[in-house]
């Protein structure tokens, strides 16, 4: 084995060992270390939303049991342990309906764009109002620290009574 290969192997070992020791893996978001929660696809719907403009997506907002209770009861601030999952999809006209109706009028979720996770943990995330954030595409974390830092920069613009959460419960 050449000296270059040995050096490259040693460097790779050091980097991988450092990542493993830090607890961060490809499935943890930068900045906050948020992961996609197991079983989140089985959570109940909090609300749905359409974001027009640049994103032009349709979203399903889901919550764990703690989030659902807080949304239903109107509890603010949200209790620690609250987890909110926002599933985003391209917003597109329904091909089946377009064949029957003369103009596009039914819109559906197209291909998924990303999943965003917000976790409330006041002790772990005191600088961001107790919230940690992550964004995932195709099951893999988006590694962009600048992108993840925009989460709280946007949420902090809300009225404090909302506890930095845009969504509301839709019964």
N, C-alpha and C. Protein backbone atom coordinates (compact mmCIF):
# COMPACT_ATOMS: atom_id res chain seq x y z
N UNK A 1 0.86 -1.18 0.00
CA UNK A 1 0.00 0.00 0.00
C UNK A 1 0.90 1.24 0.00
N UNK A 2 0.57 2.20 -0.83
CA UNK A 2 1.40 3.40 -0.94
C UNK A 2 1.21 4.28 0.30
N UNK A 3 2.20 5.15 0.52
CA UNK A 3 2.13 6.07 1.66
C UNK A 3 0.90 6.98 1.55
N UNK A 4 0.56 7.37 0.32
CA UNK A 4 -0.60 8.23 0.11
C UNK A 4 -1.89 7.53 0.52
N UNK A 5 -2.02 6.25 0.16
CA UNK A 5 -3.22 5.49 0.53
C UNK A 5 -3.30 5.31 2.04
N UNK A 6 -2.16 5.06 2.67
CA UNK A 6 -2.14 4.89 4.12
C UNK A 6 -2.55 6.19 4.80
N UNK A 7 -2.00 7.31 4.32
CA UNK A 7 -2.34 8.61 4.88
C UNK A 7 -3.82 8.92 4.68
N UNK A 8 -4.34 8.64 3.49
CA UNK A 8 -5.76 8.88 3.21
C UNK A 8 -6.63 8.03 4.12
N UNK A 9 -6.26 6.76 4.31
CA UNK A 9 -7.03 5.87 5.19
C UNK A 9 -7.01 6.37 6.62
N UNK A 10 -5.85 6.82 7.08
CA UNK A 10 -5.73 7.33 8.44
C UNK A 10 -6.59 8.58 8.62
N UNK A 11 -6.56 9.48 7.63
CA UNK A 11 -7.37 10.70 7.71
C UNK A 11 -8.86 10.36 7.75
N UNK A 12 -9.26 9.43 6.90
CA UNK A 12 -10.67 9.02 6.87
C UNK A 12 -11.08 8.43 8.22
N UNK A 13 -10.21 7.63 8.82
CA UNK A 13 -10.50 7.03 10.12
C UNK A 13 -10.69 8.11 11.18
N UNK A 14 -9.79 9.11 11.19
CA UNK A 14 -9.88 10.18 12.17
C UNK A 14 -11.18 10.97 12.00
N UNK A 15 -11.52 11.31 10.76
CA UNK A 15 -12.75 12.07 10.50
C UNK A 15 -13.97 11.27 10.93
N UNK A 16 -14.05 10.01 10.50
CA UNK A 16 -15.20 9.18 10.86
C UNK A 16 -15.30 8.95 12.36
N UNK A 17 -14.17 8.77 13.02
CA UNK A 17 -14.17 8.60 14.47
C UNK A 17 -14.67 9.86 15.16
N UNK A 18 -14.26 11.02 14.65
CA UNK A 18 -14.71 12.29 15.24
C UNK A 18 -16.21 12.46 15.08
N UNK A 19 -16.72 12.13 13.91
CA UNK A 19 -18.16 12.24 13.67
C UNK A 19 -18.91 11.29 14.59
N UNK A 20 -18.44 10.05 14.70
CA UNK A 20 -19.11 9.08 15.56
C UNK A 20 -19.07 9.53 17.02
N UNK A 21 -17.93 10.05 17.46
CA UNK A 21 -17.81 10.50 18.84
C UNK A 21 -18.70 11.69 19.14
N UNK A 22 -18.92 12.54 18.14
CA UNK A 22 -19.76 13.72 18.36
C UNK A 22 -21.24 13.37 18.42
N UNK A 23 -21.59 12.16 17.97
CA UNK A 23 -23.00 11.78 17.95
C UNK A 23 -23.73 12.26 16.72
N UNK A 24 -23.05 13.02 15.86
CA UNK A 24 -23.69 13.52 14.65
C UNK A 24 -23.46 12.54 13.52
N UNK A 25 -24.52 12.28 12.80
CA UNK A 25 -24.42 11.40 11.64
C UNK A 25 -25.14 12.09 10.49
N UNK A 26 -25.17 11.45 9.36
CA UNK A 26 -25.84 12.02 8.20
C UNK A 26 -27.33 12.20 8.41
N UNK A 27 -27.87 11.65 9.49
CA UNK A 27 -29.31 11.79 9.71
C UNK A 27 -29.64 12.87 10.75
N UNK A 28 -28.64 13.61 11.21
CA UNK A 28 -28.86 14.70 12.16
C UNK A 28 -28.67 16.04 11.47
N UNK A 29 -29.55 16.98 11.78
CA UNK A 29 -29.44 18.30 11.16
C UNK A 29 -28.24 19.05 11.73
N UNK A 30 -27.63 19.91 10.89
CA UNK A 30 -26.57 20.76 11.43
C UNK A 30 -27.18 21.75 12.41
N UNK A 31 -26.39 22.33 13.23
CA UNK A 31 -26.76 23.33 14.23
C UNK A 31 -27.51 22.70 15.41
N UNK A 32 -28.62 22.01 15.17
CA UNK A 32 -29.47 21.53 16.26
C UNK A 32 -29.36 20.03 16.54
N UNK A 33 -28.87 19.24 15.59
CA UNK A 33 -28.78 17.80 15.79
C UNK A 33 -30.12 17.09 15.75
N UNK A 34 -31.13 17.70 15.14
CA UNK A 34 -32.47 17.13 15.06
C UNK A 34 -32.48 15.97 14.07
N UNK A 35 -33.22 14.92 14.42
CA UNK A 35 -33.39 13.75 13.55
C UNK A 35 -34.86 13.59 13.19
N UNK A 36 -35.12 12.85 12.13
CA UNK A 36 -36.49 12.52 11.77
C UNK A 36 -37.00 11.50 12.80
N UNK A 37 -38.08 11.79 13.50
CA UNK A 37 -38.58 10.88 14.52
C UNK A 37 -39.15 9.59 13.91
N UNK A 38 -38.89 8.48 14.56
CA UNK A 38 -39.47 7.21 14.12
C UNK A 38 -41.00 7.31 14.18
N UNK A 39 -41.65 6.77 13.17
CA UNK A 39 -43.10 6.67 13.18
C UNK A 39 -43.86 7.96 12.91
N UNK A 40 -43.17 9.03 12.53
CA UNK A 40 -43.86 10.31 12.36
C UNK A 40 -44.96 10.26 11.29
N UNK A 41 -44.84 9.36 10.33
CA UNK A 41 -45.86 9.28 9.27
C UNK A 41 -47.20 8.75 9.81
N UNK A 42 -47.20 8.23 11.03
CA UNK A 42 -48.42 7.73 11.64
C UNK A 42 -49.05 8.74 12.60
N UNK A 43 -48.44 9.92 12.73
CA UNK A 43 -49.00 10.95 13.59
C UNK A 43 -50.25 11.55 12.97
N UNK A 44 -51.04 12.21 13.80
CA UNK A 44 -52.27 12.85 13.32
C UNK A 44 -51.96 14.19 12.65
N UNK A 45 -52.89 14.58 11.78
CA UNK A 45 -52.76 15.85 11.07
C UNK A 45 -53.15 17.00 12.00
N UNK A 46 -52.30 18.02 12.05
CA UNK A 46 -52.61 19.25 12.76
C UNK A 46 -53.34 20.20 11.81
N UNK A 47 -52.79 20.34 10.61
CA UNK A 47 -53.38 21.21 9.60
C UNK A 47 -52.75 20.91 8.25
N UNK A 48 -53.30 21.50 7.22
CA UNK A 48 -52.70 21.46 5.88
C UNK A 48 -52.55 22.91 5.42
N UNK A 49 -51.63 23.14 4.52
CA UNK A 49 -51.39 24.51 4.06
C UNK A 49 -50.85 24.50 2.64
N UNK A 50 -51.12 25.59 1.95
CA UNK A 50 -50.54 25.82 0.63
C UNK A 50 -49.66 27.05 0.74
N UNK A 51 -48.41 26.92 0.38
CA UNK A 51 -47.52 28.08 0.35
C UNK A 51 -47.33 28.50 -1.09
N UNK A 52 -47.87 29.65 -1.42
CA UNK A 52 -47.72 30.18 -2.78
C UNK A 52 -46.35 30.83 -2.91
N UNK A 53 -46.09 31.43 -4.04
CA UNK A 53 -44.82 32.12 -4.23
C UNK A 53 -43.75 31.18 -4.72
N UNK A 54 -42.53 31.44 -4.28
CA UNK A 54 -41.37 30.69 -4.76
C UNK A 54 -41.48 29.18 -4.51
N UNK A 55 -41.93 28.80 -3.32
CA UNK A 55 -42.02 27.37 -3.00
C UNK A 55 -43.19 26.70 -3.71
N UNK A 56 -44.33 27.37 -3.76
CA UNK A 56 -45.55 26.83 -4.35
C UNK A 56 -45.73 25.35 -4.01
N UNK A 57 -45.82 25.09 -2.71
CA UNK A 57 -45.98 23.71 -2.29
C UNK A 57 -47.23 23.55 -1.44
N UNK A 58 -47.59 22.31 -1.22
CA UNK A 58 -48.70 21.97 -0.33
C UNK A 58 -48.08 21.18 0.81
N UNK A 59 -48.59 21.43 2.02
CA UNK A 59 -47.96 20.87 3.21
C UNK A 59 -48.97 20.17 4.10
N UNK A 60 -48.53 19.07 4.64
CA UNK A 60 -49.27 18.41 5.70
C UNK A 60 -48.45 18.62 6.97
N UNK A 61 -49.08 19.13 8.00
CA UNK A 61 -48.39 19.37 9.26
C UNK A 61 -48.90 18.34 10.26
N UNK A 62 -48.00 17.53 10.77
CA UNK A 62 -48.33 16.45 11.69
C UNK A 62 -47.72 16.74 13.06
N UNK A 63 -48.26 16.11 14.09
CA UNK A 63 -47.70 16.31 15.42
C UNK A 63 -47.73 15.05 16.25
N UNK A 64 -46.75 14.95 17.17
CA UNK A 64 -46.78 13.84 18.11
C UNK A 64 -47.91 14.10 19.12
N UNK A 65 -48.11 13.18 20.05
CA UNK A 65 -49.23 13.31 21.00
C UNK A 65 -49.14 14.59 21.83
N UNK A 66 -47.92 14.98 22.21
CA UNK A 66 -47.74 16.19 23.02
C UNK A 66 -48.15 17.42 22.21
N UNK A 67 -47.73 17.46 20.95
CA UNK A 67 -48.08 18.58 20.07
C UNK A 67 -49.59 18.65 19.86
N UNK A 68 -50.20 17.51 19.57
CA UNK A 68 -51.65 17.49 19.33
C UNK A 68 -52.43 18.02 20.52
N UNK A 69 -52.07 17.56 21.71
CA UNK A 69 -52.78 18.03 22.90
C UNK A 69 -52.61 19.54 23.06
N UNK A 70 -51.40 20.03 22.87
CA UNK A 70 -51.16 21.47 23.01
C UNK A 70 -51.93 22.27 21.96
N UNK A 71 -51.94 21.79 20.73
CA UNK A 71 -52.70 22.49 19.68
C UNK A 71 -54.19 22.50 20.01
N UNK A 72 -54.72 21.33 20.39
CA UNK A 72 -56.16 21.23 20.68
C UNK A 72 -56.57 22.08 21.88
N UNK A 73 -55.71 22.08 22.91
CA UNK A 73 -56.03 22.81 24.14
C UNK A 73 -55.65 24.29 24.07
N UNK A 74 -54.91 24.67 23.03
CA UNK A 74 -54.45 26.06 22.92
C UNK A 74 -53.31 26.38 23.87
N UNK A 75 -52.58 25.37 24.32
CA UNK A 75 -51.48 25.57 25.26
C UNK A 75 -50.30 26.26 24.59
N UNK A 76 -49.95 27.43 25.12
CA UNK A 76 -48.77 28.16 24.67
C UNK A 76 -48.11 28.73 25.91
N UNK A 77 -46.83 28.63 26.06
CA UNK A 77 -45.92 28.00 25.12
C UNK A 77 -46.13 26.49 25.06
N UNK A 78 -45.69 25.92 23.95
CA UNK A 78 -45.78 24.47 23.79
C UNK A 78 -44.90 23.80 24.84
N UNK A 79 -45.33 22.66 25.37
CA UNK A 79 -44.50 21.96 26.36
C UNK A 79 -43.29 21.29 25.71
N UNK A 80 -42.25 21.12 26.50
CA UNK A 80 -41.09 20.36 26.02
C UNK A 80 -41.56 18.97 25.61
N UNK A 81 -40.96 18.46 24.55
CA UNK A 81 -41.36 17.16 24.01
C UNK A 81 -42.27 17.30 22.80
N UNK A 82 -42.77 18.52 22.55
CA UNK A 82 -43.58 18.76 21.36
C UNK A 82 -42.72 18.54 20.12
N UNK A 83 -43.25 17.78 19.17
CA UNK A 83 -42.57 17.60 17.88
C UNK A 83 -43.59 17.85 16.78
N UNK A 84 -43.21 18.72 15.85
CA UNK A 84 -44.05 19.06 14.71
C UNK A 84 -43.30 18.66 13.44
N UNK A 85 -43.98 17.92 12.57
CA UNK A 85 -43.39 17.51 11.29
C UNK A 85 -44.17 18.18 10.16
N UNK A 86 -43.45 18.84 9.29
CA UNK A 86 -44.08 19.50 8.14
C UNK A 86 -43.60 18.78 6.88
N UNK A 87 -44.54 18.12 6.20
CA UNK A 87 -44.22 17.39 4.97
C UNK A 87 -44.63 18.25 3.79
N UNK A 88 -43.69 18.56 2.93
CA UNK A 88 -43.97 19.45 1.79
C UNK A 88 -43.90 18.68 0.48
N UNK A 89 -44.83 19.03 -0.41
CA UNK A 89 -44.92 18.40 -1.72
C UNK A 89 -45.13 19.47 -2.78
N UNK A 90 -44.67 19.19 -4.00
CA UNK A 90 -44.99 20.09 -5.10
C UNK A 90 -46.51 20.17 -5.21
N UNK A 91 -47.02 21.34 -5.45
CA UNK A 91 -48.45 21.61 -5.59
C UNK A 91 -48.75 21.56 -7.08
N UNK A 92 -49.58 20.60 -7.48
CA UNK A 92 -49.83 20.46 -8.92
C UNK A 92 -51.29 20.12 -9.20
N UNK A 93 -51.67 20.41 -10.40
CA UNK A 93 -53.02 20.10 -10.85
C UNK A 93 -53.18 18.59 -10.97
N UNK A 94 -54.36 18.09 -10.65
CA UNK A 94 -54.63 16.66 -10.73
C UNK A 94 -54.85 16.24 -12.18
N UNK A 95 -53.98 15.38 -12.73
CA UNK A 95 -54.14 14.95 -14.12
C UNK A 95 -55.48 14.26 -14.37
N UNK A 96 -55.94 13.47 -13.41
CA UNK A 96 -57.21 12.76 -13.58
C UNK A 96 -58.37 13.74 -13.68
N UNK A 97 -58.40 14.71 -12.78
CA UNK A 97 -59.48 15.70 -12.80
C UNK A 97 -59.40 16.59 -14.02
N UNK A 98 -58.19 16.91 -14.46
CA UNK A 98 -58.03 17.77 -15.64
C UNK A 98 -58.60 17.12 -16.89
N UNK A 99 -58.65 15.79 -16.91
CA UNK A 99 -59.21 15.09 -18.07
C UNK A 99 -60.74 15.19 -18.09
N UNK A 100 -61.33 15.37 -16.92
CA UNK A 100 -62.78 15.39 -16.81
C UNK A 100 -63.33 16.82 -16.81
N UNK A 101 -62.64 17.72 -16.15
CA UNK A 101 -63.09 19.10 -16.02
C UNK A 101 -62.34 19.95 -17.06
N UNK A 102 -62.99 20.96 -17.57
CA UNK A 102 -62.40 21.75 -18.67
C UNK A 102 -61.23 22.63 -18.26
N UNK A 103 -61.07 22.89 -16.98
CA UNK A 103 -59.96 23.73 -16.52
C UNK A 103 -59.40 23.14 -15.23
N UNK A 104 -58.10 23.32 -15.00
CA UNK A 104 -57.53 22.81 -13.74
C UNK A 104 -58.25 23.44 -12.54
N UNK A 105 -58.80 22.59 -11.69
CA UNK A 105 -59.47 23.11 -10.49
C UNK A 105 -59.14 22.30 -9.25
N UNK A 106 -58.67 21.08 -9.44
CA UNK A 106 -58.30 20.25 -8.30
C UNK A 106 -56.78 20.15 -8.26
N UNK A 107 -56.23 20.47 -7.12
CA UNK A 107 -54.78 20.43 -6.96
C UNK A 107 -54.43 19.41 -5.90
N UNK A 108 -53.31 18.74 -6.10
CA UNK A 108 -52.92 17.63 -5.25
C UNK A 108 -51.45 17.74 -4.89
N UNK A 109 -51.04 16.90 -3.96
CA UNK A 109 -49.63 16.81 -3.62
C UNK A 109 -48.91 16.04 -4.71
N UNK A 110 -47.86 16.63 -5.24
CA UNK A 110 -47.02 15.97 -6.24
C UNK A 110 -45.86 15.27 -5.54
N UNK A 111 -44.71 15.30 -6.15
CA UNK A 111 -43.52 14.68 -5.56
C UNK A 111 -43.13 15.43 -4.28
N UNK A 112 -42.61 14.70 -3.29
CA UNK A 112 -42.20 15.36 -2.05
C UNK A 112 -40.98 16.26 -2.27
N UNK A 113 -40.95 17.37 -1.54
CA UNK A 113 -39.79 18.25 -1.61
C UNK A 113 -38.92 18.12 -0.37
N UNK A 114 -39.54 18.12 0.82
CA UNK A 114 -38.76 17.96 2.05
C UNK A 114 -39.66 17.69 3.24
N UNK A 115 -39.03 17.31 4.32
CA UNK A 115 -39.69 17.16 5.61
C UNK A 115 -38.94 18.08 6.56
N UNK A 116 -39.67 18.91 7.28
CA UNK A 116 -39.06 19.78 8.28
C UNK A 116 -39.56 19.36 9.65
N UNK A 117 -38.65 19.27 10.59
CA UNK A 117 -38.97 18.84 11.95
C UNK A 117 -38.64 19.97 12.91
N UNK A 118 -39.58 20.27 13.81
CA UNK A 118 -39.35 21.23 14.90
C UNK A 118 -39.56 20.49 16.21
N UNK A 119 -38.59 20.60 17.11
CA UNK A 119 -38.65 19.91 18.40
C UNK A 119 -38.52 20.94 19.51
N UNK A 120 -39.42 20.87 20.49
CA UNK A 120 -39.37 21.79 21.63
C UNK A 120 -38.59 21.13 22.76
N UNK A 121 -37.49 21.77 23.14
CA UNK A 121 -36.67 21.34 24.27
C UNK A 121 -36.01 22.60 24.82
N UNK A 122 -36.62 23.19 25.83
CA UNK A 122 -36.17 24.48 26.36
C UNK A 122 -34.76 24.46 26.91
N UNK A 123 -34.34 23.34 27.45
CA UNK A 123 -32.99 23.26 28.00
C UNK A 123 -31.93 23.11 26.90
N UNK A 124 -32.26 22.36 25.87
CA UNK A 124 -31.30 22.09 24.80
C UNK A 124 -31.18 23.26 23.82
N UNK A 125 -32.28 24.01 23.60
CA UNK A 125 -32.30 25.08 22.60
C UNK A 125 -32.74 26.42 23.19
N UNK A 126 -32.11 26.90 24.26
CA UNK A 126 -32.57 28.15 24.88
C UNK A 126 -32.42 29.38 23.99
N UNK A 127 -31.44 29.36 23.09
CA UNK A 127 -31.19 30.54 22.24
C UNK A 127 -32.26 30.72 21.17
N UNK A 128 -33.05 29.69 20.90
CA UNK A 128 -34.06 29.76 19.84
C UNK A 128 -35.46 29.53 20.40
N UNK A 129 -35.69 30.07 21.58
CA UNK A 129 -37.02 29.96 22.17
C UNK A 129 -37.39 28.54 22.54
N UNK A 130 -36.40 27.67 22.65
CA UNK A 130 -36.66 26.28 23.01
C UNK A 130 -36.86 25.35 21.83
N UNK A 131 -36.72 25.86 20.60
CA UNK A 131 -36.98 25.05 19.42
C UNK A 131 -35.69 24.66 18.69
N UNK A 132 -35.63 23.40 18.27
CA UNK A 132 -34.58 22.91 17.39
C UNK A 132 -35.21 22.54 16.06
N UNK A 133 -34.46 22.71 14.98
CA UNK A 133 -35.01 22.54 13.63
C UNK A 133 -34.14 21.62 12.78
N UNK A 134 -34.79 20.94 11.84
CA UNK A 134 -34.08 20.13 10.86
C UNK A 134 -34.87 20.07 9.57
N UNK A 135 -34.16 19.94 8.47
CA UNK A 135 -34.80 19.76 7.16
C UNK A 135 -34.17 18.56 6.48
N UNK A 136 -35.03 17.72 5.90
CA UNK A 136 -34.59 16.46 5.32
C UNK A 136 -35.17 16.29 3.93
N UNK A 137 -34.33 15.85 3.00
CA UNK A 137 -34.77 15.57 1.63
C UNK A 137 -34.45 14.12 1.31
N UNK A 138 -35.45 13.39 0.86
CA UNK A 138 -35.27 11.97 0.54
C UNK A 138 -34.68 11.20 1.72
N UNK A 139 -35.11 11.54 2.93
CA UNK A 139 -34.67 10.84 4.12
C UNK A 139 -33.29 11.22 4.62
N UNK A 140 -32.65 12.20 3.99
CA UNK A 140 -31.30 12.60 4.37
C UNK A 140 -31.33 14.06 4.80
N UNK A 141 -30.58 14.37 5.86
CA UNK A 141 -30.57 15.74 6.34
C UNK A 141 -29.98 16.69 5.30
N UNK A 142 -30.53 17.89 5.25
CA UNK A 142 -29.92 18.94 4.44
C UNK A 142 -28.76 19.48 5.28
N UNK A 143 -27.52 19.37 4.80
CA UNK A 143 -26.36 19.73 5.61
C UNK A 143 -26.06 21.23 5.66
N UNK A 144 -26.88 22.06 5.06
CA UNK A 144 -26.60 23.49 4.97
C UNK A 144 -26.88 24.21 6.29
N UNK A 145 -25.82 24.59 7.00
CA UNK A 145 -26.01 25.36 8.23
C UNK A 145 -26.70 26.69 7.97
N UNK A 146 -26.32 27.44 6.92
CA UNK A 146 -27.03 28.70 6.66
C UNK A 146 -28.54 28.49 6.46
N UNK A 147 -28.92 27.42 5.76
CA UNK A 147 -30.35 27.15 5.56
C UNK A 147 -31.04 26.89 6.89
N UNK A 148 -30.46 26.02 7.71
CA UNK A 148 -31.08 25.66 8.99
C UNK A 148 -31.17 26.88 9.92
N UNK A 149 -30.19 27.76 9.84
CA UNK A 149 -30.22 28.97 10.68
C UNK A 149 -31.34 29.92 10.26
N UNK A 150 -31.85 29.79 9.04
CA UNK A 150 -32.96 30.65 8.62
C UNK A 150 -34.27 30.25 9.29
N UNK A 151 -34.35 29.04 9.82
CA UNK A 151 -35.60 28.59 10.45
C UNK A 151 -36.01 29.56 11.57
N UNK A 152 -35.16 29.68 12.57
CA UNK A 152 -35.53 30.54 13.70
C UNK A 152 -35.59 32.01 13.29
N UNK A 153 -34.73 32.42 12.37
CA UNK A 153 -34.75 33.81 11.91
C UNK A 153 -36.12 34.19 11.35
N UNK A 154 -36.83 33.24 10.78
CA UNK A 154 -38.17 33.48 10.26
C UNK A 154 -39.22 33.34 11.38
N UNK A 155 -39.12 32.28 12.17
CA UNK A 155 -40.10 32.02 13.23
C UNK A 155 -40.11 33.11 14.30
N UNK A 156 -38.96 33.72 14.55
CA UNK A 156 -38.87 34.74 15.60
C UNK A 156 -39.69 35.99 15.25
N UNK A 157 -40.09 36.14 14.00
CA UNK A 157 -40.89 37.29 13.57
C UNK A 157 -42.35 37.19 14.01
N UNK A 158 -42.76 36.01 14.47
CA UNK A 158 -44.14 35.81 14.92
C UNK A 158 -44.39 36.51 16.25
N UNK A 159 -45.65 36.78 16.51
CA UNK A 159 -46.06 37.29 17.81
C UNK A 159 -45.62 36.28 18.87
N UNK A 160 -45.03 36.74 19.98
CA UNK A 160 -44.55 35.80 21.01
C UNK A 160 -45.63 34.85 21.54
N UNK A 161 -46.89 35.25 21.47
CA UNK A 161 -47.96 34.39 21.97
C UNK A 161 -48.10 33.11 21.14
N UNK A 162 -47.52 33.07 19.96
CA UNK A 162 -47.57 31.90 19.08
C UNK A 162 -46.47 30.89 19.41
N UNK A 163 -45.54 31.25 20.30
CA UNK A 163 -44.40 30.41 20.66
C UNK A 163 -43.61 29.98 19.42
N UNK A 164 -43.44 30.89 18.48
CA UNK A 164 -42.61 30.68 17.29
C UNK A 164 -43.15 29.61 16.35
N UNK A 165 -44.46 29.35 16.40
CA UNK A 165 -45.08 28.32 15.55
C UNK A 165 -46.09 28.98 14.62
N UNK A 166 -45.94 28.73 13.32
CA UNK A 166 -46.85 29.31 12.32
C UNK A 166 -48.20 28.59 12.27
N UNK A 167 -48.20 27.29 12.44
CA UNK A 167 -49.41 26.49 12.23
C UNK A 167 -50.43 26.68 13.35
N UNK A 168 -51.68 26.46 13.00
CA UNK A 168 -52.75 26.41 13.98
C UNK A 168 -53.51 25.10 13.77
N UNK A 169 -54.24 24.70 14.78
CA UNK A 169 -54.97 23.44 14.69
C UNK A 169 -56.21 23.60 13.84
N UNK A 170 -56.39 22.70 12.91
CA UNK A 170 -57.60 22.67 12.07
C UNK A 170 -58.41 21.45 12.47
N UNK A 171 -59.51 21.66 13.21
CA UNK A 171 -60.30 20.51 13.68
C UNK A 171 -60.94 19.73 12.54
